Amino acid sequence: MITYSTWDSVSALLIVGALGTTALALYRLYFHPLSKFPGPPLAAITHYYAAYYDLWKDGAQVSQLEVLHKIYGEFKTHTRITPLDSKRDPGPVVRYRPNMVSRVTQLQAR
């Protein structure tokens, strides 16, 4: 008869959790509909990147978006687009959350 200890169950849960987290990160980086947009890899994987600038940097997410647009493209102002909007020519775009991008449109760039 095979007996399992509590630590066997805990180890199995930790391994399954780590594999699931790794699979989700790989999906968001390489297979997500927004994966073609440039941006920090950490921002593509987790919402904690944006939460850090909102909570610990006293709402400095907009200024961080300016920095990201300087790195990945020109910044004027930003709007959110959905994966359905990605079919259009979005202009300079930066991915700053797993499911959100910041873009500069022709009208905003004037």
N, C-alpha and C. Protein backbone atom coordinates (compact mmCIF):
# COMPACT_ATOMS: atom_id res chain seq x y z
N MET A 1 0.84 -1.18 0.00
CA MET A 1 0.00 0.00 0.00
C MET A 1 0.89 1.25 0.00
N ILE A 2 0.52 2.20 -0.85
CA ILE A 2 1.29 3.44 -0.94
C ILE A 2 0.67 4.46 0.00
N THR A 3 1.50 5.10 0.79
CA THR A 3 1.01 6.15 1.68
C THR A 3 1.66 7.47 1.28
N TYR A 4 0.89 8.51 1.36
CA TYR A 4 1.36 9.85 1.03
C TYR A 4 1.28 10.73 2.26
N SER A 5 2.30 11.53 2.44
CA SER A 5 2.29 12.45 3.57
C SER A 5 1.71 13.79 3.12
N THR A 6 1.48 14.64 4.08
CA THR A 6 0.98 15.98 3.78
C THR A 6 1.98 16.74 2.92
N TRP A 7 3.25 16.52 3.15
CA TRP A 7 4.28 17.24 2.38
C TRP A 7 4.30 16.81 0.92
N ASP A 8 3.91 15.58 0.65
CA ASP A 8 3.78 15.14 -0.74
C ASP A 8 2.69 15.93 -1.45
N SER A 9 1.57 16.13 -0.78
CA SER A 9 0.47 16.90 -1.35
C SER A 9 0.86 18.36 -1.56
N VAL A 10 1.53 18.93 -0.57
CA VAL A 10 1.98 20.32 -0.68
C VAL A 10 2.97 20.48 -1.83
N SER A 11 3.90 19.54 -1.94
CA SER A 11 4.88 19.59 -3.02
C SER A 11 4.19 19.49 -4.38
N ALA A 12 3.22 18.60 -4.50
CA ALA A 12 2.50 18.44 -5.76
C ALA A 12 1.73 19.72 -6.11
N LEU A 13 1.10 20.35 -5.12
CA LEU A 13 0.37 21.60 -5.37
C LEU A 13 1.32 22.72 -5.79
N LEU A 14 2.48 22.79 -5.17
CA LEU A 14 3.46 23.81 -5.54
C LEU A 14 3.98 23.60 -6.96
N ILE A 15 4.21 22.37 -7.33
CA ILE A 15 4.69 22.07 -8.69
C ILE A 15 3.62 22.41 -9.71
N VAL A 16 2.38 22.04 -9.46
CA VAL A 16 1.28 22.35 -10.38
C VAL A 16 1.10 23.86 -10.48
N GLY A 17 1.18 24.57 -9.36
CA GLY A 17 1.06 26.03 -9.38
C GLY A 17 2.18 26.69 -10.17
N ALA A 18 3.40 26.21 -9.99
CA ALA A 18 4.54 26.76 -10.73
C ALA A 18 4.41 26.50 -12.22
N LEU A 19 3.97 25.31 -12.60
CA LEU A 19 3.78 25.00 -14.02
C LEU A 19 2.67 25.85 -14.63
N GLY A 20 1.59 26.05 -13.88
CA GLY A 20 0.50 26.89 -14.38
C GLY A 20 0.92 28.34 -14.55
N THR A 21 1.68 28.85 -13.60
CA THR A 21 2.16 30.23 -13.68
C THR A 21 3.12 30.39 -14.85
N THR A 22 3.98 29.43 -15.06
CA THR A 22 4.92 29.47 -16.19
C THR A 22 4.18 29.41 -17.51
N ALA A 23 3.17 28.55 -17.60
CA ALA A 23 2.38 28.44 -18.83
C ALA A 23 1.65 29.74 -19.13
N LEU A 24 1.08 30.38 -18.11
CA LEU A 24 0.38 31.65 -18.30
C LEU A 24 1.34 32.74 -18.74
N ALA A 25 2.53 32.79 -18.15
CA ALA A 25 3.52 33.79 -18.54
C ALA A 25 3.96 33.60 -19.98
N LEU A 26 4.20 32.36 -20.39
CA LEU A 26 4.59 32.09 -21.77
C LEU A 26 3.48 32.45 -22.74
N TYR A 27 2.24 32.15 -22.37
CA TYR A 27 1.11 32.52 -23.22
C TYR A 27 1.04 34.02 -23.40
N ARG A 28 1.11 34.78 -22.29
CA ARG A 28 1.00 36.24 -22.38
C ARG A 28 2.15 36.86 -23.14
N LEU A 29 3.34 36.27 -23.08
CA LEU A 29 4.49 36.82 -23.78
C LEU A 29 4.50 36.51 -25.27
N TYR A 30 4.07 35.30 -25.65
CA TYR A 30 4.26 34.86 -27.03
C TYR A 30 2.99 34.57 -27.83
N PHE A 31 1.88 34.23 -27.18
CA PHE A 31 0.70 33.79 -27.91
C PHE A 31 -0.52 34.66 -27.73
N HIS A 32 -0.50 35.60 -26.81
CA HIS A 32 -1.62 36.51 -26.55
C HIS A 32 -1.82 37.40 -27.78
N PRO A 33 -3.07 37.81 -28.08
CA PRO A 33 -3.29 38.70 -29.22
C PRO A 33 -2.51 40.02 -29.14
N LEU A 34 -2.19 40.48 -27.95
CA LEU A 34 -1.43 41.73 -27.81
C LEU A 34 0.08 41.50 -27.71
N SER A 35 0.53 40.28 -27.90
CA SER A 35 1.96 39.99 -27.74
C SER A 35 2.83 40.67 -28.80
N LYS A 36 2.24 41.10 -29.91
CA LYS A 36 3.04 41.75 -30.96
C LYS A 36 3.38 43.20 -30.62
N PHE A 37 2.71 43.78 -29.63
CA PHE A 37 2.98 45.17 -29.26
C PHE A 37 4.18 45.24 -28.32
N PRO A 38 5.05 46.24 -28.50
CA PRO A 38 6.24 46.35 -27.64
C PRO A 38 5.89 46.82 -26.24
N GLY A 39 6.77 46.53 -25.32
CA GLY A 39 6.59 46.96 -23.94
C GLY A 39 7.45 46.11 -23.02
N PRO A 40 7.52 46.47 -21.76
CA PRO A 40 8.32 45.70 -20.81
C PRO A 40 7.74 44.29 -20.65
N PRO A 41 8.57 43.26 -20.67
CA PRO A 41 8.06 41.90 -20.51
C PRO A 41 7.30 41.69 -19.19
N LEU A 42 7.75 42.32 -18.12
CA LEU A 42 7.05 42.18 -16.85
C LEU A 42 5.63 42.74 -16.93
N ALA A 43 5.44 43.82 -17.67
CA ALA A 43 4.11 44.40 -17.85
C ALA A 43 3.22 43.47 -18.66
N ALA A 44 3.80 42.72 -19.58
CA ALA A 44 3.02 41.78 -20.39
C ALA A 44 2.60 40.56 -19.57
N ILE A 45 3.36 40.23 -18.55
CA ILE A 45 3.09 39.02 -17.77
C ILE A 45 2.10 39.28 -16.64
N THR A 46 2.23 40.40 -15.94
CA THR A 46 1.46 40.60 -14.72
C THR A 46 0.92 42.02 -14.61
N HIS A 47 -0.18 42.15 -13.85
CA HIS A 47 -0.75 43.47 -13.57
C HIS A 47 0.02 44.19 -12.47
N TYR A 48 0.93 43.51 -11.81
CA TYR A 48 1.68 44.12 -10.71
C TYR A 48 2.57 45.26 -11.19
N TYR A 49 2.98 45.23 -12.45
CA TYR A 49 3.81 46.31 -13.00
C TYR A 49 3.06 47.64 -12.93
N ALA A 50 1.82 47.66 -13.41
CA ALA A 50 1.02 48.89 -13.38
C ALA A 50 0.61 49.23 -11.95
N ALA A 51 0.30 48.21 -11.14
CA ALA A 51 -0.10 48.46 -9.75
C ALA A 51 1.04 49.10 -8.97
N TYR A 52 2.27 48.72 -9.27
CA TYR A 52 3.43 49.30 -8.59
C TYR A 52 3.47 50.81 -8.80
N TYR A 53 3.28 51.25 -10.04
CA TYR A 53 3.32 52.69 -10.32
C TYR A 53 2.08 53.40 -9.80
N ASP A 54 0.95 52.73 -9.73
CA ASP A 54 -0.26 53.35 -9.19
C ASP A 54 -0.21 53.48 -7.68
N LEU A 55 0.24 52.43 -6.99
CA LEU A 55 0.15 52.40 -5.54
C LEU A 55 1.41 52.87 -4.83
N TRP A 56 2.56 52.37 -5.23
CA TRP A 56 3.79 52.69 -4.51
C TRP A 56 4.50 53.92 -5.04
N LYS A 57 4.21 54.29 -6.26
CA LYS A 57 4.82 55.50 -6.84
C LYS A 57 3.81 56.65 -6.88
N ASP A 58 2.78 56.58 -6.05
CA ASP A 58 1.77 57.64 -5.90
C ASP A 58 1.13 58.03 -7.22
N GLY A 59 0.65 57.07 -7.96
CA GLY A 59 -0.09 57.35 -9.19
C GLY A 59 0.77 57.82 -10.34
N ALA A 60 2.01 57.38 -10.41
CA ALA A 60 2.94 57.84 -11.45
C ALA A 60 2.85 57.00 -12.72
N GLN A 61 1.71 56.32 -12.93
CA GLN A 61 1.59 55.48 -14.11
C GLN A 61 1.61 56.30 -15.40
N VAL A 62 0.99 57.48 -15.39
CA VAL A 62 0.98 58.32 -16.59
C VAL A 62 2.39 58.78 -16.94
N SER A 63 3.16 59.18 -15.94
CA SER A 63 4.54 59.58 -16.22
C SER A 63 5.38 58.38 -16.66
N GLN A 64 5.07 57.19 -16.14
CA GLN A 64 5.77 55.99 -16.59
C GLN A 64 5.39 55.66 -18.03
N LEU A 65 4.13 55.92 -18.41
CA LEU A 65 3.74 55.73 -19.81
C LEU A 65 4.52 56.66 -20.73
N GLU A 66 4.77 57.87 -20.28
CA GLU A 66 5.60 58.79 -21.07
C GLU A 66 7.00 58.20 -21.28
N VAL A 67 7.57 57.65 -20.21
CA VAL A 67 8.90 57.04 -20.31
C VAL A 67 8.86 55.85 -21.27
N LEU A 68 7.83 55.01 -21.15
CA LEU A 68 7.72 53.85 -22.03
C LEU A 68 7.57 54.26 -23.49
N HIS A 69 6.81 55.32 -23.74
CA HIS A 69 6.66 55.79 -25.12
C HIS A 69 7.96 56.39 -25.65
N LYS A 70 8.77 56.96 -24.77
CA LYS A 70 10.08 57.44 -25.22
C LYS A 70 10.99 56.26 -25.58
N ILE A 71 10.84 55.16 -24.85
CA ILE A 71 11.64 53.97 -25.14
C ILE A 71 11.11 53.24 -26.37
N TYR A 72 9.79 53.03 -26.42
CA TYR A 72 9.19 52.18 -27.46
C TYR A 72 8.49 52.97 -28.56
N GLY A 73 8.35 54.26 -28.45
CA GLY A 73 7.68 55.06 -29.46
C GLY A 73 7.35 56.43 -28.90
N GLU A 74 6.84 57.30 -29.74
CA GLU A 74 6.56 58.68 -29.37
C GLU A 74 5.36 58.76 -28.44
N PHE A 75 5.36 59.67 -27.49
CA PHE A 75 4.26 59.84 -26.54
C PHE A 75 3.66 61.23 -26.65
N LYS A 76 2.35 61.28 -26.76
CA LYS A 76 1.63 62.55 -26.66
C LYS A 76 0.57 62.42 -25.56
N THR A 77 -0.34 61.48 -25.73
CA THR A 77 -1.34 61.14 -24.72
C THR A 77 -1.72 59.69 -24.97
N HIS A 78 -2.53 59.10 -24.12
CA HIS A 78 -2.81 57.67 -24.31
C HIS A 78 -4.30 57.37 -24.25
N THR A 79 -4.68 56.32 -24.93
CA THR A 79 -6.02 55.76 -24.85
C THR A 79 -5.88 54.26 -24.77
N ARG A 80 -6.89 53.61 -24.22
CA ARG A 80 -6.86 52.16 -24.14
C ARG A 80 -7.54 51.58 -25.36
N ILE A 81 -6.98 50.50 -25.88
CA ILE A 81 -7.64 49.79 -26.96
C ILE A 81 -7.78 48.33 -26.57
N THR A 82 -8.73 47.68 -27.19
CA THR A 82 -8.98 46.27 -26.91
C THR A 82 -8.32 45.43 -27.98
N PRO A 83 -8.23 44.11 -27.80
CA PRO A 83 -7.67 43.27 -28.86
C PRO A 83 -8.40 43.41 -30.19
N LEU A 84 -9.69 43.74 -30.15
CA LEU A 84 -10.44 43.92 -31.40
C LEU A 84 -9.96 45.16 -32.15
N ASP A 85 -9.52 46.19 -31.43
CA ASP A 85 -9.02 47.41 -32.06
C ASP A 85 -7.64 47.22 -32.67
N SER A 86 -6.95 46.14 -32.34
CA SER A 86 -5.59 45.95 -32.82
C SER A 86 -5.54 45.64 -34.32
N LYS A 87 -6.70 45.39 -34.95
CA LYS A 87 -6.73 45.16 -36.39
C LYS A 87 -6.45 46.46 -37.16
N ARG A 88 -6.80 47.61 -36.57
CA ARG A 88 -6.55 48.90 -37.20
C ARG A 88 -5.10 49.31 -37.03
N ASP A 89 -4.68 50.32 -37.78
CA ASP A 89 -3.32 50.85 -37.61
C ASP A 89 -3.32 51.72 -36.36
N PRO A 90 -2.74 51.24 -35.26
CA PRO A 90 -2.88 51.94 -34.00
C PRO A 90 -1.88 53.08 -33.78
N GLY A 91 -0.89 53.24 -34.62
CA GLY A 91 0.14 54.24 -34.36
C GLY A 91 1.11 53.72 -33.32
N PRO A 92 1.93 54.60 -32.74
CA PRO A 92 2.88 54.15 -31.71
C PRO A 92 2.15 53.55 -30.50
N VAL A 93 2.47 52.32 -30.19
CA VAL A 93 1.75 51.58 -29.15
C VAL A 93 2.74 50.97 -28.17
N VAL A 94 2.37 50.99 -26.87
CA VAL A 94 3.17 50.36 -25.81
C VAL A 94 2.23 49.50 -24.97
N ARG A 95 2.62 48.26 -24.75
CA ARG A 95 1.84 47.36 -23.88
C ARG A 95 2.28 47.60 -22.45
N TYR A 96 1.33 47.98 -21.58
CA TYR A 96 1.69 48.28 -20.20
C TYR A 96 0.94 47.41 -19.19
N ARG A 97 0.09 46.52 -19.65
CA ARG A 97 -0.57 45.51 -18.83
C ARG A 97 -0.79 44.29 -19.71
N PRO A 98 -1.10 43.13 -19.13
CA PRO A 98 -1.30 41.96 -19.97
C PRO A 98 -2.41 42.14 -21.00
N ASN A 99 -3.43 42.94 -20.69
CA ASN A 99 -4.55 43.10 -21.61
C ASN A 99 -4.80 44.55 -22.01
N MET A 100 -3.83 45.43 -21.85
CA MET A 100 -4.00 46.84 -22.20
C MET A 100 -2.76 47.39 -22.88
N VAL A 101 -3.00 48.30 -23.83
CA VAL A 101 -1.91 49.01 -24.48
C VAL A 101 -2.21 50.49 -24.43
N SER A 102 -1.19 51.29 -24.55
CA SER A 102 -1.31 52.74 -24.64
C SER A 102 -0.91 53.11 -26.06
N ARG A 103 -1.71 53.96 -26.72
CA ARG A 103 -1.39 54.32 -28.10
C ARG A 103 -1.50 55.81 -28.31
N VAL A 104 -0.80 56.27 -29.34
CA VAL A 104 -0.87 57.66 -29.77
C VAL A 104 -1.54 57.65 -31.13
N THR A 105 -2.66 58.35 -31.25
CA THR A 105 -3.36 58.41 -32.53
C THR A 105 -2.95 59.63 -33.31
N GLN A 106 -3.33 59.69 -34.57
CA GLN A 106 -3.00 60.84 -35.42
C GLN A 106 -3.57 62.12 -34.83
N LEU A 107 -4.81 62.09 -34.36
CA LEU A 107 -5.45 63.28 -33.81
C LEU A 107 -4.76 63.73 -32.53
N GLN A 108 -4.33 62.79 -31.69
CA GLN A 108 -3.68 63.13 -30.44
C GLN A 108 -2.28 63.67 -30.67
N ALA A 109 -1.64 63.28 -31.74
CA ALA A 109 -0.27 63.69 -31.99
C ALA A 109 -0.17 65.13 -32.47
N ARG A 110 -1.27 65.74 -32.86
CA ARG A 110 -1.25 67.13 -33.35
C ARG A 110 -1.06 68.13 -32.25
